[in-house]
Amino acid sequence: MTTLTLSDARALAVATMTSCGHSAGAAETIADHLLDCELRGLSFGGLARALSIAERMRTTEEPPRPIQVVGETPVSATVDGGDQVGYLVGMRALELAVAKARTQGVAVVGARNTWYTGMFSYYLEKAAQAGLAGMIAGSGPAVVAPHGGTEARFGTNPIAFGFPATSAPVIWDIGTSTVMYGEVMLKARLGEKLASGQAYDAAGVPTLDPAAALTGAFGVWGGHKGSGLALVVQLLGMMTGAAADPPGVSDCGFFIVLFDPGTLTDADDYRRRVAAFAESVRAARPVDGGGPVRVPFDRSVTCRNEALRRGTIDVPEAVLVALRQLAGDV
């Protein structure tokens, strides 16, 4: 591992994204999302993801097209991402949803023709800061086997919910696979093994090899219940117009619903009650030998605050070398 200052890490991410052809503003938008992953201890979605973005863009013959709103009502919008990376498309969808939810009280926005949309909690934290609650679901290429199967049918299919509070928001953000795509990619880069029970090879045999898993299937999270949730997320993503099983890394569906609590109740009082309820959950008696009970997003906030206080992050040497080679093209 190599230690980088936060300013150096951000500059490296911006330079890498610029080397791929992104504008300065787009590179900053992507870098902010990647750095937030690093701050929260989710390194597979941080600087290592910049390598995957660069690889995907440099092996795609057709250049990306402008992001377009192709359908719109006062409470909804459909976005064609133009094969732009999802960090940019997701922010456009979020901006539309926030504006509509503030005006109409509720908003539904779907985006398609995009890829690598990142952490849904990143978007929902911004929505919560605007006083809005919401849900995001995302479909993608088939890399996950359904419960009882060994062939890929689902994407990693994350789903997240966010709620504003007078303190930190309550955000629950999960993937419906036993291991996320970015984790598998990073382990493949670093020559590391997967955990037992996470994946199958192309013949349906359990494997610890991330390269074999990428040609086979990841396991689904949560048994039959998680498999059902993964199917629902896939269907929500398809509602944006995204394909059920797009080829390669492409055409992910991004489905976002935001709503203003003030349409149903006193918004300020709701935020206070969310914060109070979260405190009551944290105050629950822990199991013998266990630590304090946490609320979703607590770990992220604690980890990020510590990283900001420290002012540094640790990056695998192999990732750092590859990023510097790409950034040198700028």
Protein backbone atom coordinates (compact mmCIF):
# COMPACT_ATOMS: atom_id res chain seq x y z
CA MET A 1 0.00 0.00 0.00
CA THR A 2 1.04 3.58 -0.67
CA THR A 3 -0.31 6.51 1.34
CA LEU A 4 -1.65 9.49 -0.61
CA THR A 5 -2.88 12.83 0.66
CA LEU A 6 -6.51 13.51 -0.18
CA SER A 7 -5.55 16.37 -2.49
CA ASP A 8 -3.09 14.15 -4.37
CA ALA A 9 -5.68 11.37 -4.63
CA ARG A 10 -8.27 13.76 -6.05
CA ALA A 11 -5.78 15.25 -8.51
CA LEU A 12 -4.80 11.77 -9.69
CA ALA A 13 -8.44 10.78 -10.22
CA VAL A 14 -9.13 14.01 -12.14
CA ALA A 15 -6.04 13.54 -14.31
CA THR A 16 -6.98 9.94 -15.07
CA MET A 17 -10.52 10.89 -16.07
CA THR A 18 -9.21 13.77 -18.18
CA SER A 19 -6.90 11.32 -19.96
CA CYS A 20 -10.01 9.39 -21.03
CA GLY A 21 -11.45 12.46 -22.74
CA HIS A 22 -13.72 13.82 -20.01
CA SER A 23 -14.05 17.59 -19.63
CA ALA A 24 -12.58 19.22 -16.53
CA GLY A 25 -16.03 19.52 -14.95
CA ALA A 26 -16.99 15.92 -15.70
CA ALA A 27 -13.64 14.68 -14.39
CA GLU A 28 -14.22 16.57 -11.13
CA THR A 29 -17.71 15.08 -10.77
CA ILE A 30 -16.41 11.54 -11.23
CA ALA A 31 -13.39 12.13 -8.97
CA ASP A 32 -15.60 13.41 -6.14
CA HIS A 33 -17.64 10.21 -6.21
CA LEU A 34 -14.55 7.97 -6.36
CA LEU A 35 -12.86 9.82 -3.52
CA ASP A 36 -15.97 9.54 -1.35
CA CYS A 37 -15.78 5.77 -1.80
CA GLU A 38 -12.16 5.85 -0.63
CA LEU A 39 -13.02 8.02 2.37
CA ARG A 40 -15.70 5.52 3.38
CA GLY A 41 -13.32 2.57 3.18
CA LEU A 42 -14.84 1.15 -0.03
CA SER A 43 -11.63 1.08 -2.03
CA PHE A 44 -13.01 -1.26 -4.71
CA GLY A 45 -15.27 1.62 -5.79
CA GLY A 46 -12.59 4.29 -5.40
CA LEU A 47 -9.41 4.92 -7.37
CA ALA A 48 -9.35 1.32 -8.62
CA ARG A 49 -12.66 2.01 -10.36
CA ALA A 50 -10.95 4.79 -12.33
CA LEU A 51 -8.89 2.07 -14.04
CA SER A 52 -12.04 0.19 -15.01
CA ILE A 53 -13.59 3.38 -16.40
CA ALA A 54 -10.48 4.09 -18.47
CA GLU A 55 -10.31 0.51 -19.75
CA ARG A 56 -13.95 0.50 -20.76
CA MET A 57 -13.71 3.85 -22.56
CA ARG A 58 -10.49 2.93 -24.40
CA THR A 59 -11.93 -0.36 -25.67
CA THR A 60 -15.23 1.14 -26.89
CA GLU A 61 -15.19 2.10 -30.56
CA GLU A 62 -18.22 4.40 -30.58
CA PRO A 63 -17.71 7.66 -28.65
CA PRO A 64 -20.30 8.49 -25.99
CA ARG A 65 -23.19 10.76 -26.93
CA PRO A 66 -24.63 13.69 -24.96
CA ILE A 67 -26.92 12.85 -22.05
CA GLN A 68 -30.50 13.59 -23.13
CA VAL A 69 -33.89 13.82 -21.46
CA VAL A 70 -36.07 11.85 -23.88
CA GLY A 71 -39.35 11.96 -21.96
CA GLU A 72 -40.69 14.22 -19.25
CA THR A 73 -43.76 15.10 -17.17
CA PRO A 74 -44.04 17.38 -14.12
CA VAL A 75 -43.22 14.42 -11.85
CA SER A 76 -41.06 12.20 -14.06
CA ALA A 77 -38.26 12.06 -16.58
CA THR A 78 -36.56 9.46 -18.74
CA VAL A 79 -32.86 9.97 -19.42
CA ASP A 80 -30.82 8.43 -22.22
CA GLY A 81 -27.27 8.38 -20.89
CA GLY A 82 -25.71 8.18 -24.34
CA ASP A 83 -23.30 5.50 -23.08
CA GLN A 84 -21.73 8.04 -20.72
CA VAL A 85 -20.33 6.71 -17.45
CA GLY A 86 -22.97 6.44 -14.74
CA TYR A 87 -21.37 8.89 -12.32
CA LEU A 88 -22.36 11.64 -14.75
CA VAL A 89 -25.72 10.17 -15.76
CA GLY A 90 -26.65 9.45 -12.15
CA MET A 91 -25.98 13.05 -11.15
CA ARG A 92 -28.14 14.31 -14.03
CA ALA A 93 -30.96 12.00 -12.95
CA LEU A 94 -30.57 13.13 -9.34
CA GLU A 95 -30.69 16.81 -10.28
CA LEU A 96 -33.90 16.26 -12.23
CA ALA A 97 -35.47 14.24 -9.41
CA VAL A 98 -34.55 16.78 -6.71
CA ALA A 99 -35.97 19.67 -8.72
CA LYS A 100 -39.23 17.85 -9.46
CA ALA A 101 -39.65 16.52 -5.92
CA ARG A 102 -39.17 20.00 -4.48
CA THR A 103 -41.83 21.38 -6.83
CA GLN A 104 -44.31 18.51 -6.99
CA GLY A 105 -43.58 16.60 -3.76
CA VAL A 106 -42.60 13.41 -5.58
CA ALA A 107 -40.44 12.49 -8.56
CA VAL A 108 -39.65 9.35 -10.58
CA VAL A 109 -36.63 9.43 -12.91
CA GLY A 110 -35.25 6.57 -14.96
CA ALA A 111 -31.92 6.51 -16.80
CA ARG A 112 -30.61 3.96 -19.29
CA ASN A 113 -27.67 3.53 -21.67
CA THR A 114 -25.11 4.06 -18.94
CA TRP A 115 -22.66 2.00 -16.85
CA TYR A 116 -20.78 2.13 -13.53
CA THR A 117 -23.26 4.24 -11.58
CA GLY A 118 -21.31 3.95 -8.31
CA MET A 119 -22.64 4.10 -4.77
CA PHE A 120 -26.34 4.86 -4.58
CA SER A 121 -25.81 6.20 -1.07
CA TYR A 122 -23.71 8.98 -2.64
CA TYR A 123 -26.78 10.28 -4.46
CA LEU A 124 -29.20 9.69 -1.59
CA GLU A 125 -27.00 11.60 0.85
CA LYS A 126 -27.30 14.62 -1.44
CA ALA A 127 -31.07 14.10 -1.66
CA ALA A 128 -31.29 13.91 2.14
CA GLN A 129 -29.32 17.15 2.42
CA ALA A 130 -32.08 18.67 0.27
CA GLY A 131 -34.64 17.37 2.79
CA LEU A 132 -35.86 14.54 0.57
CA ALA A 133 -36.32 10.82 1.18
CA GLY A 134 -35.98 8.30 -1.60
CA MET A 135 -35.05 5.01 -3.19
CA ILE A 136 -32.68 4.04 -5.99
CA ALA A 137 -32.53 0.66 -7.73
CA GLY A 138 -30.14 -0.34 -10.49
CA SER A 139 -30.01 -3.21 -12.95
CA GLY A 140 -27.08 -4.31 -15.07
CA PRO A 141 -25.43 -7.04 -17.14
CA ALA A 142 -26.01 -10.61 -15.98
CA VAL A 143 -23.23 -11.58 -13.58
CA VAL A 144 -25.19 -13.07 -10.64
CA ALA A 145 -26.86 -16.47 -10.46
CA PRO A 146 -30.37 -16.73 -8.95
CA HIS A 147 -30.85 -18.79 -5.79
CA GLY A 148 -30.51 -22.46 -6.66
CA GLY A 149 -28.70 -21.76 -9.94
CA THR A 150 -25.13 -21.37 -11.17
CA GLU A 151 -25.71 -19.35 -14.37
CA ALA A 152 -25.82 -15.55 -14.38
CA ARG A 153 -29.23 -13.94 -14.77
CA PHE A 154 -29.12 -10.77 -12.61
CA GLY A 155 -26.81 -7.80 -12.32
CA THR A 156 -25.27 -7.11 -8.92
CA ASN A 157 -28.47 -5.05 -8.62
CA PRO A 158 -27.92 -2.57 -5.79
CA ILE A 159 -30.86 -0.99 -4.03
CA ALA A 160 -30.76 1.86 -1.52
CA PHE A 161 -33.13 3.92 0.63
CA GLY A 162 -32.34 7.28 2.22
CA PHE A 163 -34.10 9.38 4.87
CA PRO A 164 -33.27 12.92 6.01
CA ALA A 165 -32.62 13.56 9.68
CA THR A 166 -31.53 16.46 11.87
CA SER A 167 -28.23 14.59 12.30
CA ALA A 168 -26.63 12.28 9.71
CA PRO A 169 -29.20 10.78 7.34
CA VAL A 170 -30.26 7.16 7.59
CA ILE A 171 -29.20 5.42 4.37
CA TRP A 172 -29.36 1.70 3.64
CA ASP A 173 -27.41 0.74 0.52
CA ILE A 174 -26.78 -2.88 -0.47
CA GLY A 175 -25.91 -5.00 -3.46
CA THR A 176 -27.97 -8.15 -3.93
CA SER A 177 -24.92 -10.30 -4.77
CA THR A 178 -22.49 -12.00 -2.39
CA VAL A 179 -19.68 -9.89 -3.82
CA MET A 180 -19.76 -6.69 -5.84
CA TYR A 181 -18.37 -6.41 -9.36
CA GLY A 182 -15.78 -3.84 -8.32
CA GLU A 183 -14.53 -6.13 -5.56
CA VAL A 184 -14.02 -8.97 -8.01
CA MET A 185 -12.24 -6.70 -10.48
CA LEU A 186 -9.91 -5.36 -7.79
CA LYS A 187 -9.07 -8.84 -6.52
CA ALA A 188 -8.29 -9.90 -10.09
CA ARG A 189 -5.92 -6.91 -10.48
CA LEU A 190 -4.16 -7.69 -7.21
CA GLY A 191 -3.98 -11.45 -7.69
CA GLU A 192 -6.14 -12.14 -4.63
CA LYS A 193 -8.69 -14.90 -4.08
CA LEU A 194 -12.42 -14.64 -3.50
CA ALA A 195 -14.01 -15.96 -0.33
CA SER A 196 -15.52 -19.42 -0.40
CA GLY A 197 -19.11 -19.56 -1.61
CA GLN A 198 -19.03 -16.26 -3.51
CA ALA A 199 -18.83 -17.41 -7.11
CA TYR A 200 -18.99 -20.11 -9.80
CA ASP A 201 -16.89 -20.62 -12.91
CA ALA A 202 -18.36 -20.96 -16.41
CA ALA A 203 -19.05 -24.68 -15.81
CA GLY A 204 -20.97 -23.95 -12.61
CA VAL A 205 -18.21 -25.17 -10.28
CA PRO A 206 -17.56 -23.08 -7.14
CA THR A 207 -14.41 -21.01 -7.58
CA LEU A 208 -12.13 -18.70 -5.62
CA ASP A 209 -10.55 -17.32 -8.80
CA PRO A 210 -11.92 -13.82 -9.61
CA ALA A 211 -11.05 -14.19 -13.31
CA ALA A 212 -13.06 -17.41 -13.47
CA ALA A 213 -15.92 -15.74 -11.61
CA LEU A 214 -16.02 -12.95 -14.20
CA THR A 215 -16.71 -15.54 -16.90
CA GLY A 216 -19.10 -17.49 -14.67
CA ALA A 217 -21.43 -16.09 -12.03
CA PHE A 218 -21.39 -14.51 -8.58
CA GLY A 219 -23.65 -15.92 -5.90
CA VAL A 220 -26.79 -14.07 -4.86
CA TRP A 221 -27.06 -12.49 -1.41
CA GLY A 222 -29.66 -13.61 1.11
CA GLY A 223 -30.77 -16.97 -0.26
CA HIS A 224 -34.23 -17.10 -1.81
CA LYS A 225 -35.24 -13.78 -0.23
CA GLY A 226 -32.25 -11.95 -1.64
CA SER A 227 -32.79 -13.63 -4.98
CA GLY A 228 -36.35 -12.33 -5.05
CA LEU A 229 -35.15 -8.83 -4.22
CA ALA A 230 -32.53 -9.06 -6.99
CA LEU A 231 -35.25 -9.98 -9.48
CA VAL A 232 -37.38 -7.02 -8.37
CA VAL A 233 -34.43 -4.65 -8.79
CA GLN A 234 -33.80 -6.02 -12.28
CA LEU A 235 -37.43 -5.33 -13.21
CA LEU A 236 -37.27 -1.79 -11.81
CA GLY A 237 -34.11 -1.15 -13.82
CA MET A 238 -35.82 -2.49 -16.94
CA MET A 239 -38.62 0.05 -16.39
CA THR A 240 -36.13 2.74 -17.49
CA GLY A 241 -35.91 1.01 -20.87
CA ALA A 242 -32.64 -0.75 -20.05
CA ALA A 243 -32.14 -4.22 -21.49
CA ALA A 244 -32.75 -7.29 -19.33
CA ASP A 245 -29.30 -8.68 -20.19
CA PRO A 246 -27.14 -6.07 -21.95
CA PRO A 247 -23.81 -7.13 -23.46
CA GLY A 248 -20.57 -6.40 -21.63
CA VAL A 249 -20.49 -3.41 -19.31
CA SER A 250 -23.37 -1.40 -20.77
CA ASP A 251 -26.98 -0.22 -20.51
CA CYS A 252 -27.40 -0.29 -16.75
CA GLY A 253 -30.80 0.86 -15.52
CA PHE A 254 -30.92 3.63 -12.86
CA PHE A 255 -34.34 4.05 -11.25
CA ILE A 256 -34.76 6.83 -8.68
CA VAL A 257 -37.81 7.90 -6.68
CA LEU A 258 -37.64 10.94 -4.38
CA PHE A 259 -40.36 12.38 -2.19
CA ASP A 260 -40.73 15.33 0.12
CA PRO A 261 -41.86 14.25 3.60
CA GLY A 262 -43.65 17.59 3.80
CA THR A 263 -46.33 16.30 1.43
CA LEU A 264 -47.54 13.97 4.20
CA THR A 265 -46.37 15.43 7.51
CA ASP A 266 -44.39 18.27 9.06
CA ALA A 267 -40.98 17.94 7.38
CA ASP A 268 -38.91 19.40 10.24
CA ASP A 269 -40.69 17.24 12.78
CA TYR A 270 -40.11 14.18 10.60
CA ARG A 271 -36.36 14.82 10.45
CA ARG A 272 -36.28 15.17 14.24
CA ARG A 273 -38.22 11.92 14.69
CA VAL A 274 -35.93 10.06 12.26
CA ALA A 275 -32.91 11.19 14.28
CA ALA A 276 -34.58 10.21 17.57
CA PHE A 277 -35.60 6.81 16.27
CA ALA A 278 -32.09 6.16 14.95
CA GLU A 279 -30.74 6.95 18.43
CA SER A 280 -33.19 4.51 19.97
CA VAL A 281 -31.91 1.79 17.61
CA ARG A 282 -28.30 2.55 18.56
CA ALA A 283 -29.28 2.36 22.23
CA ALA A 284 -30.60 -1.21 21.89
CA ARG A 285 -28.89 -3.72 24.19
CA PRO A 286 -26.11 -5.44 22.22
CA VAL A 287 -25.63 -9.20 22.15
CA ASP A 288 -23.16 -10.65 24.64
CA GLY A 289 -19.64 -9.82 23.53
CA GLY A 290 -20.85 -7.58 20.74
CA GLY A 291 -20.17 -3.92 20.10
CA PRO A 292 -22.69 -1.09 20.06
CA VAL A 293 -25.65 -1.41 17.70
CA ARG A 294 -25.23 0.65 14.54
CA VAL A 295 -27.71 2.23 12.14
CA PRO A 296 -27.09 1.96 8.38
CA PHE A 297 -24.64 4.65 7.21
CA ASP A 298 -23.03 4.98 10.67
CA ARG A 299 -19.94 3.06 9.56
CA SER A 300 -19.54 5.23 6.46
CA VAL A 301 -19.82 8.47 8.41
CA THR A 302 -17.32 7.32 11.05
CA CYS A 303 -14.84 6.04 8.48
CA ARG A 304 -15.11 9.18 6.36
CA ASN A 305 -14.67 11.51 9.31
CA GLU A 306 -11.57 9.62 10.39
CA ALA A 307 -10.11 9.74 6.86
CA LEU A 308 -10.80 13.46 6.63
CA ARG A 309 -9.15 14.02 10.00
CA ARG A 310 -6.15 11.94 8.93
CA GLY A 311 -6.00 13.60 5.52
CA THR A 312 -4.78 10.49 3.71
CA ILE A 313 -5.89 7.23 2.10
CA ASP A 314 -3.99 4.03 1.31
CA VAL A 315 -3.91 2.80 -2.29
CA PRO A 316 -2.58 -0.56 -3.57
CA GLU A 317 0.75 -0.03 -5.33
CA ALA A 318 -0.40 -1.83 -8.50
CA VAL A 319 -3.42 0.48 -8.77
CA LEU A 320 -1.32 3.57 -8.14
CA VAL A 321 1.25 2.67 -10.80
CA ALA A 322 -1.45 2.03 -13.41
CA LEU A 323 -3.24 5.29 -12.58
CA ARG A 324 -0.04 7.31 -12.85
CA GLN A 325 0.66 5.80 -16.25
CA LEU A 326 -2.79 6.84 -17.45
CA ALA A 327 -2.58 10.28 -15.85
CA GLY A 328 0.76 10.79 -17.60
CA ASP A 329 -1.14 10.86 -20.89
CA VAL A 330 -2.81 14.14 -19.93
